Amino acid sequence: MKDGKYGTPARQRFRCVGEVVNETSGEVRSFHRFVPELPRHVVQRGTCDTCDHEFSAHQGPVVGRRYDYPLREVAAAFVAIGAGASYLRAAQRARA
């Protein structure tokens, strides 16, 4: 269930109501809070286009949970269409 938000920008926090045992102190709690991991675009290895930071496969750019493409790729496709490329050609570039 939802359990408020935290941070800036705000991220949704959730509550699990199952019993949890703290391994170090042995304390039993009736719930715990968690925040799901940020969805990331899976990449082989690469470099950030903005800051030249090198990253590995699990550190790809953050994407929406229900989207297949990061915002930069979608924006690049729209720019290509605005410059006169066909929809098919812009979609092929985004998929590549």
C-alpha atoms as a PDB file:
ATOM      1  CA  MET A   1       0.000   0.000   0.000  1.00  0.00           C
ATOM      2  CA  LYS A   2       1.109   3.596  -0.508  1.00  0.00           C
ATOM      3  CA  ASP A   3       2.863   5.199   2.469  1.00  0.00           C
ATOM      4  CA  GLY A   4       3.514   8.815   1.550  1.00  0.00           C
ATOM      5  CA  LYS A   5       6.321  10.393  -0.434  1.00  0.00           C
ATOM      6  CA  TYR A   6       9.845  11.539   0.323  1.00  0.00           C
ATOM      7  CA  GLY A   7      12.708  13.437  -1.268  1.00  0.00           C
ATOM      8  CA  THR A   8      12.989  16.104  -3.910  1.00  0.00           C
ATOM      9  CA  PRO A   9      11.595  15.440  -6.437  1.00  0.00           C
ATOM     10  CA  ALA A  10       9.047  13.410  -4.480  1.00  0.00           C
ATOM     11  CA  ARG A  11       9.175   9.616  -4.905  1.00  0.00           C
ATOM     12  CA  GLN A  12       6.331   7.334  -3.854  1.00  0.00           C
ATOM     13  CA  ARG A  13       7.038   5.207  -0.796  1.00  0.00           C
ATOM     14  CA  PHE A  14       5.184   1.936  -0.106  1.00  0.00           C
ATOM     15  CA  ARG A  15       4.469  -0.127   3.013  1.00  0.00           C
ATOM     16  CA  CYS A  16       4.714  -3.911   3.238  1.00  0.00           C
ATOM     17  CA  VAL A  17       2.537  -5.223   6.064  1.00  0.00           C
ATOM     18  CA  GLY A  18       4.201  -8.635   6.515  1.00  0.00           C
ATOM     19  CA  GLU A  19       6.312  -9.372   9.598  1.00  0.00           C
ATOM     20  CA  VAL A  20       9.984  -8.480   9.278  1.00  0.00           C
ATOM     21  CA  VAL A  21      12.775  -9.658  11.588  1.00  0.00           C
ATOM     22  CA  ASN A  22      15.783  -7.364  11.983  1.00  0.00           C
ATOM     23  CA  GLU A  23      18.809  -9.674  11.632  1.00  0.00           C
ATOM     24  CA  THR A  24      21.108  -7.642  13.880  1.00  0.00           C
ATOM     25  CA  SER A  25      18.803  -6.932  16.834  1.00  0.00           C
ATOM     26  CA  GLY A  26      16.229  -9.719  16.417  1.00  0.00           C
ATOM     27  CA  GLU A  27      13.420  -7.148  16.644  1.00  0.00           C
ATOM     28  CA  VAL A  28      10.139  -8.156  14.950  1.00  0.00           C
ATOM     29  CA  ARG A  29       8.260  -5.395  13.164  1.00  0.00           C
ATOM     30  CA  SER A  30       4.807  -5.680  11.660  1.00  0.00           C
ATOM     31  CA  PHE A  31       5.678  -3.635   8.561  1.00  0.00           C
ATOM     32  CA  HIS A  32       8.511  -2.030   6.636  1.00  0.00           C
ATOM     33  CA  ARG A  33       8.712   0.789   4.100  1.00  0.00           C
ATOM     34  CA  PHE A  34      10.409   0.640   0.738  1.00  0.00           C
ATOM     35  CA  VAL A  35      10.844   2.578  -2.473  1.00  0.00           C
ATOM     36  CA  PRO A  36      11.080   0.585  -5.717  1.00  0.00           C
ATOM     37  CA  GLU A  37      14.213   0.967  -7.804  1.00  0.00           C
ATOM     38  CA  LEU A  38      14.173   3.488 -10.610  1.00  0.00           C
ATOM     39  CA  PRO A  39      13.492   1.900 -13.994  1.00  0.00           C
ATOM     40  CA  ARG A  40      16.520   2.233 -16.228  1.00  0.00           C
ATOM     41  CA  HIS A  41      17.131   1.750 -19.914  1.00  0.00           C
ATOM     42  CA  VAL A  42      19.411  -1.290 -20.241  1.00  0.00           C
ATOM     43  CA  VAL A  43      22.555  -0.452 -22.179  1.00  0.00           C
ATOM     44  CA  GLN A  44      25.715  -2.388 -22.988  1.00  0.00           C
ATOM     45  CA  ARG A  45      28.231   0.189 -21.787  1.00  0.00           C
ATOM     46  CA  GLY A  46      28.558   3.745 -22.726  1.00  0.00           C
ATOM     47  CA  THR A  47      29.085   7.393 -21.974  1.00  0.00           C
ATOM     48  CA  CYS A  48      26.522   9.994 -20.961  1.00  0.00           C
ATOM     49  CA  ASP A  49      25.774  12.434 -23.784  1.00  0.00           C
ATOM     50  CA  THR A  50      25.516  15.313 -21.331  1.00  0.00           C
ATOM     51  CA  CYS A  51      28.440  14.935 -18.904  1.00  0.00           C
ATOM     52  CA  ASP A  52      30.714  12.263 -20.484  1.00  0.00           C
ATOM     53  CA  HIS A  53      30.379  10.012 -17.405  1.00  0.00           C
ATOM     54  CA  GLU A  54      31.075   6.356 -18.245  1.00  0.00           C
ATOM     55  CA  PHE A  55      28.461   3.877 -17.063  1.00  0.00           C
ATOM     56  CA  SER A  56      27.860   0.129 -17.174  1.00  0.00           C
ATOM     57  CA  ALA A  57      24.737  -1.852 -18.176  1.00  0.00           C
ATOM     58  CA  HIS A  58      22.826  -1.403 -14.899  1.00  0.00           C
ATOM     59  CA  GLN A  59      23.399   2.376 -14.814  1.00  0.00           C
ATOM     60  CA  GLY A  60      21.565   3.373 -17.994  1.00  0.00           C
ATOM     61  CA  PRO A  61      19.398   6.487 -18.182  1.00  0.00           C
ATOM     62  CA  VAL A  62      16.219   6.590 -16.107  1.00  0.00           C
ATOM     63  CA  VAL A  63      13.024   5.949 -18.103  1.00  0.00           C
ATOM     64  CA  GLY A  64       9.311   5.881 -17.325  1.00  0.00           C
ATOM     65  CA  ARG A  65       7.981   2.568 -16.001  1.00  0.00           C
ATOM     66  CA  ARG A  66       5.623   2.028 -18.917  1.00  0.00           C
ATOM     67  CA  TYR A  67       7.750   3.350 -21.780  1.00  0.00           C
ATOM     68  CA  ASP A  68      10.241   1.573 -23.999  1.00  0.00           C
ATOM     69  CA  TYR A  69      12.338   4.578 -25.019  1.00  0.00           C
ATOM     70  CA  PRO A  70      14.025   7.314 -22.985  1.00  0.00           C
ATOM     71  CA  LEU A  71      12.873  10.876 -23.510  1.00  0.00           C
ATOM     72  CA  ARG A  72      16.020  11.854 -25.439  1.00  0.00           C
ATOM     73  CA  GLU A  73      15.352   9.214 -28.112  1.00  0.00           C
ATOM     74  CA  VAL A  74      11.720  10.299 -28.507  1.00  0.00           C
ATOM     75  CA  ALA A  75      12.766  13.954 -28.758  1.00  0.00           C
ATOM     76  CA  ALA A  76      15.396  13.077 -31.379  1.00  0.00           C
ATOM     77  CA  ALA A  77      12.720  11.284 -33.438  1.00  0.00           C
ATOM     78  CA  PHE A  78      10.440  14.351 -33.299  1.00  0.00           C
ATOM     79  CA  VAL A  79      13.312  16.613 -34.349  1.00  0.00           C
ATOM     80  CA  ALA A  80      14.055  14.308 -37.297  1.00  0.00           C
ATOM     81  CA  ILE A  81      10.385  14.421 -38.366  1.00  0.00           C
ATOM     82  CA  GLY A  82      10.413  18.217 -38.072  1.00  0.00           C
ATOM     83  CA  ALA A  83      13.518  18.312 -40.266  1.00  0.00           C
ATOM     84  CA  GLY A  84      11.705  16.398 -43.001  1.00  0.00           C
ATOM     85  CA  ALA A  85      12.406  12.710 -42.279  1.00  0.00           C
ATOM     86  CA  SER A  86       9.543  10.278 -42.712  1.00  0.00           C
ATOM     87  CA  TYR A  87       7.826   8.700 -39.710  1.00  0.00           C
ATOM     88  CA  LEU A  88       9.183   5.304 -40.752  1.00  0.00           C
ATOM     89  CA  ARG A  89      12.764   6.578 -40.967  1.00  0.00           C
ATOM     90  CA  ALA A  90      12.505   8.354 -37.583  1.00  0.00           C
ATOM     91  CA  ALA A  91      11.086   5.185 -35.964  1.00  0.00           C
ATOM     92  CA  GLN A  92      13.887   3.064 -37.425  1.00  0.00           C
ATOM     93  CA  ARG A  93      16.486   5.484 -36.021  1.00  0.00           C
ATOM     94  CA  ALA A  94      14.850   5.348 -32.555  1.00  0.00           C
ATOM     95  CA  ARG A  95      14.790   1.515 -32.576  1.00  0.00           C
ATOM     96  CA  ALA A  96      18.440   1.317 -33.631  1.00  0.00           C
END
